[in-house]
C-alpha atoms as a PDB file:
ATOM      1  CA  ALA A   1      -5.738  -6.730  13.497  1.00  0.00           C
ATOM      2  CA  LEU A   2      -7.261 -10.228  13.233  1.00  0.00           C
ATOM      3  CA  VAL A   3      -9.085  -9.474   9.380  1.00  0.00           C
ATOM      4  CA  ALA A   4      -5.378  -8.527   8.962  1.00  0.00           C
ATOM      5  CA  SER A   5      -3.836 -11.811   9.905  1.00  0.00           C
ATOM      6  CA  GLY A   6      -6.548 -14.100   8.643  1.00  0.00           C
ATOM      7  CA  GLN A   7      -8.207 -14.801  12.191  1.00  0.00           C
ATOM      8  CA  ALA A   8     -11.815 -14.739  12.505  1.00  0.00           C
ATOM      9  CA  VAL A   9     -13.349 -12.302  14.258  1.00  0.00           C
ATOM     10  CA  PRO A  10     -14.980 -12.834  17.461  1.00  0.00           C
ATOM     11  CA  ALA A  11     -18.913 -11.811  16.421  1.00  0.00           C
ATOM     12  CA  ASP A  12     -19.262 -10.599  20.144  1.00  0.00           C
ATOM     13  CA  ALA A  13     -16.767  -8.554  19.599  1.00  0.00           C
ATOM     14  CA  VAL A  14     -18.345  -6.862  16.569  1.00  0.00           C
ATOM     15  CA  THR A  15     -21.800  -6.109  18.533  1.00  0.00           C
ATOM     16  CA  GLU A  16     -19.623  -4.983  21.631  1.00  0.00           C
ATOM     17  CA  LEU A  17     -18.052  -1.659  18.898  1.00  0.00           C
ATOM     18  CA  LYS A  18     -21.464  -1.301  17.454  1.00  0.00           C
ATOM     19  CA  ALA A  19     -22.986  -0.910  21.118  1.00  0.00           C
ATOM     20  CA  LEU A  20     -20.659   1.713  21.855  1.00  0.00           C
ATOM     21  CA  GLN A  21     -20.915   3.786  18.218  1.00  0.00           C
ATOM     22  CA  ASP A  22     -23.089   7.130  19.807  1.00  0.00           C
ATOM     23  CA  SER A  23     -26.236   8.677  18.791  1.00  0.00           C
ATOM     24  CA  ASP A  24     -24.889  11.120  16.054  1.00  0.00           C
ATOM     25  CA  GLY A  25     -22.891   8.265  14.442  1.00  0.00           C
ATOM     26  CA  SER A  26     -19.528   9.308  15.765  1.00  0.00           C
ATOM     27  CA  TRP A  27     -17.403   6.631  18.463  1.00  0.00           C
ATOM     28  CA  SER A  28     -15.802   7.938  20.997  1.00  0.00           C
ATOM     29  CA  PHE A  29     -12.275   7.417  22.694  1.00  0.00           C
ATOM     30  CA  GLY A  30     -13.643   6.163  26.019  1.00  0.00           C
ATOM     31  CA  THR A  31     -15.706   2.534  27.135  1.00  0.00           C
ATOM     32  CA  ALA A  32     -19.425   3.849  26.531  1.00  0.00           C
ATOM     33  CA  PRO A  33     -20.743   6.560  24.446  1.00  0.00           C
ATOM     34  CA  VAL A  34     -21.088   9.593  24.780  1.00  0.00           C
ATOM     35  CA  ALA A  35     -23.463  13.179  23.402  1.00  0.00           C
ATOM     36  CA  ALA A  36     -24.322  13.586  19.824  1.00  0.00           C
ATOM     37  CA  GLY A  37     -20.884  16.420  19.593  1.00  0.00           C
ATOM     38  CA  GLN A  38     -18.547  14.435  21.970  1.00  0.00           C
ATOM     39  CA  GLY A  39     -17.449  11.728  19.112  1.00  0.00           C
ATOM     40  CA  ASP A  40     -14.288  12.199  17.382  1.00  0.00           C
ATOM     41  CA  THR A  41     -13.093  11.663  13.703  1.00  0.00           C
ATOM     42  CA  ASN A  42     -10.122   9.109  14.864  1.00  0.00           C
ATOM     43  CA  SER A  43     -12.115   7.352  17.029  1.00  0.00           C
ATOM     44  CA  THR A  44     -15.133   7.469  14.495  1.00  0.00           C
ATOM     45  CA  ALA A  45     -12.759   6.489  11.439  1.00  0.00           C
ATOM     46  CA  ILE A  46     -10.798   3.335  13.404  1.00  0.00           C
ATOM     47  CA  ALA A  47     -14.148   1.452  14.194  1.00  0.00           C
ATOM     48  CA  LEU A  48     -15.926   2.049  10.424  1.00  0.00           C
ATOM     49  CA  MET A  49     -12.822   0.517   9.154  1.00  0.00           C
ATOM     50  CA  ALA A  50     -12.716  -2.087  11.889  1.00  0.00           C
ATOM     51  CA  LEU A  51     -16.618  -3.156  11.893  1.00  0.00           C
ATOM     52  CA  ASP A  52     -16.142  -3.683   7.665  1.00  0.00           C
ATOM     53  CA  ALA A  53     -13.524  -5.696   7.490  1.00  0.00           C
ATOM     54  CA  ALA A  54     -15.136  -7.611  10.058  1.00  0.00           C
ATOM     55  CA  GLY A  55     -17.920  -7.264   7.218  1.00  0.00           C
ATOM     56  CA  SER A  56     -20.493  -5.312   9.352  1.00  0.00           C
ATOM     57  CA  HIS A  57     -21.698  -2.686   7.172  1.00  0.00           C
ATOM     58  CA  SER A  58     -24.737  -1.789   8.851  1.00  0.00           C
ATOM     59  CA  ALA A  59     -23.374   1.091  10.703  1.00  0.00           C
ATOM     60  CA  ASP A  60     -21.753   2.828   7.980  1.00  0.00           C
ATOM     61  CA  ALA A  61     -24.767   4.868   6.928  1.00  0.00           C
ATOM     62  CA  LYS A  62     -24.617   6.664  10.516  1.00  0.00           C
ATOM     63  CA  ALA A  63     -20.575   6.436  10.693  1.00  0.00           C
ATOM     64  CA  LEU A  64     -20.503   8.449   7.220  1.00  0.00           C
ATOM     65  CA  ALA A  65     -22.976  11.060   7.927  1.00  0.00           C
ATOM     66  CA  TYR A  66     -21.339  11.947  10.867  1.00  0.00           C
ATOM     67  CA  LEU A  67     -18.203  12.583   9.213  1.00  0.00           C
ATOM     68  CA  HIS A  68     -19.759  15.015   6.323  1.00  0.00           C
ATOM     69  CA  THR A  69     -21.074  17.013   9.358  1.00  0.00           C
ATOM     70  CA  GLN A  70     -17.306  17.387  10.287  1.00  0.00           C
ATOM     71  CA  GLN A  71     -15.507  17.870   7.002  1.00  0.00           C
ATOM     72  CA  LEU A  72     -14.191  21.649   7.011  1.00  0.00           C
ATOM     73  CA  THR A  73     -14.729  23.996   3.990  1.00  0.00           C
ATOM     74  CA  ASP A  74     -10.593  23.673   2.882  1.00  0.00           C
ATOM     75  CA  GLY A  75     -11.485  19.315   2.001  1.00  0.00           C
ATOM     76  CA  GLY A  76      -9.396  17.971   5.747  1.00  0.00           C
ATOM     77  CA  PHE A  77     -10.756  16.783   9.068  1.00  0.00           C
ATOM     78  CA  PRO A  78     -10.308  17.913  12.453  1.00  0.00           C
ATOM     79  CA  TYR A  79     -10.338  15.907  15.109  1.00  0.00           C
ATOM     80  CA  GLN A  80     -13.291  17.246  16.084  1.00  0.00           C
ATOM     81  CA  ASN A  81     -15.534  20.131  14.595  1.00  0.00           C
ATOM     82  CA  SER A  82     -16.198  21.600  17.809  1.00  0.00           C
ATOM     83  CA  SER A  83     -15.221  24.889  18.975  1.00  0.00           C
ATOM     84  CA  THR A  84     -14.580  23.739  22.423  1.00  0.00           C
ATOM     85  CA  PHE A  85     -10.644  23.614  22.305  1.00  0.00           C
ATOM     86  CA  GLY A  86     -10.693  26.732  19.924  1.00  0.00           C
ATOM     87  CA  PRO A  87     -11.535  27.051  16.483  1.00  0.00           C
ATOM     88  CA  PRO A  88     -11.261  23.681  14.779  1.00  0.00           C
ATOM     89  CA  ALA A  89      -8.294  22.669  11.583  1.00  0.00           C
ATOM     90  CA  SER A  90      -8.108  20.041   9.472  1.00  0.00           C
ATOM     91  CA  ASP A  91      -4.808  18.078  10.297  1.00  0.00           C
ATOM     92  CA  PRO A  92      -2.653  15.779   8.687  1.00  0.00           C
ATOM     93  CA  ASP A  93      -3.580  12.942  10.902  1.00  0.00           C
ATOM     94  CA  SER A  94      -7.231  13.200  11.009  1.00  0.00           C
ATOM     95  CA  ASP A  95      -7.136  13.343   7.029  1.00  0.00           C
ATOM     96  CA  SER A  96      -5.405  10.415   6.857  1.00  0.00           C
ATOM     97  CA  ILE A  97      -7.472   8.411   8.942  1.00  0.00           C
ATOM     98  CA  VAL A  98     -10.677   9.114   7.765  1.00  0.00           C
ATOM     99  CA  LEU A  99     -10.235   9.354   4.328  1.00  0.00           C
ATOM    100  CA  GLN A 100      -9.037   5.571   4.612  1.00  0.00           C
ATOM    101  CA  ALA A 101     -12.306   4.391   6.559  1.00  0.00           C
ATOM    102  CA  LEU A 102     -13.764   6.300   2.913  1.00  0.00           C
ATOM    103  CA  VAL A 103     -12.492   3.824   0.711  1.00  0.00           C
ATOM    104  CA  ALA A 104     -13.371   1.280   3.644  1.00  0.00           C
ATOM    105  CA  ALA A 105     -16.832   1.971   3.237  1.00  0.00           C
ATOM    106  CA  ASP A 106     -17.171   2.225  -0.577  1.00  0.00           C
ATOM    107  CA  GLN A 107     -16.194   5.848  -0.647  1.00  0.00           C
ATOM    108  CA  ASP A 108     -15.109   8.023  -3.138  1.00  0.00           C
ATOM    109  CA  PRO A 109     -12.444  10.865  -1.049  1.00  0.00           C
ATOM    110  CA  GLU A 110     -13.321  12.648  -4.290  1.00  0.00           C
ATOM    111  CA  ALA A 111     -16.375  12.516  -5.016  1.00  0.00           C
ATOM    112  CA  ALA A 112     -19.124  15.471  -5.330  1.00  0.00           C
ATOM    113  CA  ALA A 113     -20.172  14.163  -2.137  1.00  0.00           C
ATOM    114  CA  TRP A 114     -17.424  14.374  -0.162  1.00  0.00           C
ATOM    115  CA  SER A 115     -15.960  17.611  -1.712  1.00  0.00           C
ATOM    116  CA  GLN A 116     -15.940  21.119  -0.805  1.00  0.00           C
ATOM    117  CA  GLY A 117     -15.951  23.389  -3.853  1.00  0.00           C
ATOM    118  CA  ALA A 118     -12.154  21.980  -5.684  1.00  0.00           C
ATOM    119  CA  ASN A 119     -11.256  21.057  -2.517  1.00  0.00           C
ATOM    120  CA  THR A 120     -11.295  17.557  -0.854  1.00  0.00           C
ATOM    121  CA  VAL A 121      -9.349  15.237   1.607  1.00  0.00           C
ATOM    122  CA  LEU A 122      -6.780  14.256  -0.426  1.00  0.00           C
ATOM    123  CA  THR A 123      -6.144  17.854  -2.104  1.00  0.00           C
ATOM    124  CA  HIS A 124      -5.686  18.998   1.696  1.00  0.00           C
ATOM    125  CA  LEU A 125      -3.605  16.409   2.639  1.00  0.00           C
ATOM    126  CA  ARG A 126      -1.554  16.580  -0.102  1.00  0.00           C
ATOM    127  CA  ALA A 127      -0.798  20.482   0.222  1.00  0.00           C
ATOM    128  CA  GLY A 128      -0.047  19.845   3.569  1.00  0.00           C
ATOM    129  CA  GLN A 129       3.687  18.187   3.295  1.00  0.00           C
ATOM    130  CA  GLY A 130       7.026  19.811   3.893  1.00  0.00           C
ATOM    131  CA  ALA A 131       9.355  20.354   1.094  1.00  0.00           C
ATOM    132  CA  ASP A 132      11.432  17.377   2.912  1.00  0.00           C
ATOM    133  CA  GLY A 133       8.902  15.174   2.819  1.00  0.00           C
ATOM    134  CA  GLY A 134       7.429  15.111   6.318  1.00  0.00           C
ATOM    135  CA  TYR A 135       4.033  16.789   7.513  1.00  0.00           C
ATOM    136  CA  ALA A 136       3.199  17.851  10.869  1.00  0.00           C
ATOM    137  CA  TYR A 137       0.448  18.288  13.561  1.00  0.00           C
ATOM    138  CA  PRO A 138      -0.978  21.660  13.044  1.00  0.00           C
ATOM    139  CA  GLY A 139       0.987  23.990  15.405  1.00  0.00           C
ATOM    140  CA  MET A 140       4.019  21.590  15.345  1.00  0.00           C
ATOM    141  CA  ALA A 141       7.398  20.852  13.727  1.00  0.00           C
ATOM    142  CA  GLU A 142       7.700  18.077  11.209  1.00  0.00           C
ATOM    143  CA  ASN A 143       7.859  14.551  13.346  1.00  0.00           C
ATOM    144  CA  ALA A 144       7.404  10.531  12.241  1.00  0.00           C
ATOM    145  CA  PHE A 145       4.168   9.257  14.361  1.00  0.00           C
ATOM    146  CA  THR A 146       2.061  11.574  11.692  1.00  0.00           C
ATOM    147  CA  THR A 147       3.994  11.325   8.731  1.00  0.00           C
ATOM    148  CA  SER A 148       3.941   7.742   9.274  1.00  0.00           C
ATOM    149  CA  GLN A 149      -0.143   8.048   9.098  1.00  0.00           C
ATOM    150  CA  VAL A 150       0.162   9.180   5.478  1.00  0.00           C
ATOM    151  CA  PRO A 151       1.414   6.850   2.867  1.00  0.00           C
ATOM    152  CA  ALA A 152      -1.365   4.490   3.392  1.00  0.00           C
ATOM    153  CA  ALA A 153      -3.753   6.756   2.868  1.00  0.00           C
ATOM    154  CA  LEU A 154      -2.960   8.252  -0.312  1.00  0.00           C
ATOM    155  CA  VAL A 155      -2.256   4.860  -1.636  1.00  0.00           C
ATOM    156  CA  ARG A 156      -5.843   4.186  -0.501  1.00  0.00           C
ATOM    157  CA  THR A 157      -5.179   1.508   1.934  1.00  0.00           C
ATOM    158  CA  PRO A 158      -7.529   1.300   4.779  1.00  0.00           C
ATOM    159  CA  TYR A 159      -6.252  -0.641   8.442  1.00  0.00           C
ATOM    160  CA  ALA A 160      -7.212  -4.517   7.588  1.00  0.00           C
ATOM    161  CA  ALA A 161      -5.747  -4.435   4.102  1.00  0.00           C
ATOM    162  CA  ALA A 162      -3.138  -7.023   2.837  1.00  0.00           C
ATOM    163  CA  VAL A 163      -0.572  -5.064   1.226  1.00  0.00           C
ATOM    164  CA  HIS A 164       2.390  -6.398  -0.007  1.00  0.00           C
ATOM    165  CA  TRP A 165       4.910  -3.221  -0.587  1.00  0.00           C
ATOM    166  CA  THR A 166       7.412  -4.893  -2.771  1.00  0.00           C
ATOM    167  CA  VAL A 167       5.152  -7.243  -3.589  1.00  0.00           C
ATOM    168  CA  GLY A 168       6.924 -10.006  -6.561  1.00  0.00           C
ATOM    169  CA  ARG A 169      10.144  -8.020  -5.722  1.00  0.00           C
ATOM    170  CA  GLY A 170      12.123 -11.485  -3.457  1.00  0.00           C
ATOM    171  CA  LEU A 171      14.456 -10.568  -0.540  1.00  0.00           C
ATOM    172  CA  PRO A 172      17.764 -11.896  -1.738  1.00  0.00           C
ATOM    173  CA  MET A 173      18.381 -14.963   1.010  1.00  0.00           C
ATOM    174  CA  ASP A 174      22.297 -15.398   0.007  1.00  0.00           C
ATOM    175  CA  ALA A 175      24.390 -15.886   3.209  1.00  0.00           C
ATOM    176  CA  CYS A 176      27.413 -13.973   3.545  1.00  0.00           C
ATOM    177  CA  PRO A 177      30.125 -15.787   2.579  1.00  0.00           C
ATOM    178  CA  THR A 178      32.822 -17.038   4.042  1.00  0.00           C
ATOM    179  CA  ALA A 179      36.201 -15.095   4.306  1.00  0.00           C
ATOM    180  CA  THR A 180      39.319 -16.790   3.521  1.00  0.00           C
ATOM    181  CA  PRO A 181      42.829 -16.154   4.184  1.00  0.00           C
ATOM    182  CA  PRO A 182      44.541 -14.775   0.993  1.00  0.00           C
ATOM    183  CA  ALA A 183      47.070 -16.675  -0.183  1.00  0.00           C
ATOM    184  CA  THR A 184      49.408 -13.970   1.197  1.00  0.00           C
ATOM    185  CA  ALA A 185      48.133 -13.759   4.462  1.00  0.00           C
ATOM    186  CA  SER A 186      51.419 -13.128   7.218  1.00  0.00           C
ATOM    187  CA  ALA A 187      51.146 -13.893  10.720  1.00  0.00           C
ATOM    188  CA  GLY A 188      52.133 -10.812  11.647  1.00  0.00           C
ATOM    189  CA  PRO A 189      49.600  -9.192  14.552  1.00  0.00           C
ATOM    190  CA  SER A 190      48.406  -5.637  12.276  1.00  0.00           C
ATOM    191  CA  GLN A 191      48.021  -7.120   8.352  1.00  0.00           C
ATOM    192  CA  ILE A 192      46.019  -4.486   6.627  1.00  0.00           C
ATOM    193  CA  ALA A 193      43.952  -4.440   3.455  1.00  0.00           C
ATOM    194  CA  THR A 194      45.275  -2.710   0.955  1.00  0.00           C
ATOM    195  CA  PRO A 195      41.883  -0.002  -0.781  1.00  0.00           C
ATOM    196  CA  SER A 196      40.951  -2.359  -4.496  1.00  0.00           C
ATOM    197  CA  ALA A 197      38.247  -2.281  -6.504  1.00  0.00           C
ATOM    198  CA  THR A 198      36.169  -3.956  -4.404  1.00  0.00           C
ATOM    199  CA  PRO A 199      36.314  -5.008  -0.128  1.00  0.00           C
ATOM    200  CA  THR A 200      38.781  -7.409   0.603  1.00  0.00           C
ATOM    201  CA  ALA A 201      39.506  -8.839   3.965  1.00  0.00           C
ATOM    202  CA  THR A 202      42.548 -10.096   5.342  1.00  0.00           C
ATOM    203  CA  LEU A 203      43.472 -12.563   8.198  1.00  0.00           C
ATOM    204  CA  SER A 204      45.925 -12.527  10.725  1.00  0.00           C
ATOM    205  CA  GLY A 205      45.813 -14.809  13.185  1.00  0.00           C
ATOM    206  CA  SER A 206      43.171 -15.078  15.516  1.00  0.00           C
ATOM    207  CA  THR A 207      43.156 -11.208  14.605  1.00  0.00           C
ATOM    208  CA  SER A 208      40.781  -9.432  11.361  1.00  0.00           C
ATOM    209  CA  SER A 209      40.600  -6.565   9.616  1.00  0.00           C
ATOM    210  CA  PHE A 210      38.378  -5.239   6.885  1.00  0.00           C
ATOM    211  CA  THR A 211      38.987  -1.893   4.678  1.00  0.00           C
ATOM    212  CA  PRO A 212      36.543  -1.100   2.226  1.00  0.00           C
ATOM    213  CA  SER A 213      37.323   0.511  -0.970  1.00  0.00           C
END
């Protein structure tokens, strides 16, 4: 967030985040390093993006090595490639955030190194989109939370990258026009505008009514 807003990143923050990396290259959702195999792809991806955005790449190699061990044969990524909670399954949330981390670390997510045969994280992510455009976590219905994570990943934009989605397209700055009573306005309290080719407004005393065409 500091990088994205143009602020300096405190050196102590970088040092603290690097110190939380686990022995297998992962990070976990916690306040202290955990044993190998207990980290997760989501925490690792977020930490990796943060460090790379801050200009610190010394943790990249171990983090990328860990992410390699988490990729499944379908090309996607699970929260954890572990059987602790049942067979691991790739999910669009993890796919998206890992894909963004790969880009942040100057990796090509479609390169042979990140391919499982013909499958990559991108092919898995694209294949998971519903007919109406939404995405769902395995076993759940499509939802806005999961779907909202996908677009930035598909355009390969990691956290902290400065992106203006409508670059070159300014928003109109015109103020709403001030309504003026038409010449035929009456003093009656119940006058209603007659539909016309364009929306019109009529005023009657202190009461106004609007009828679109």
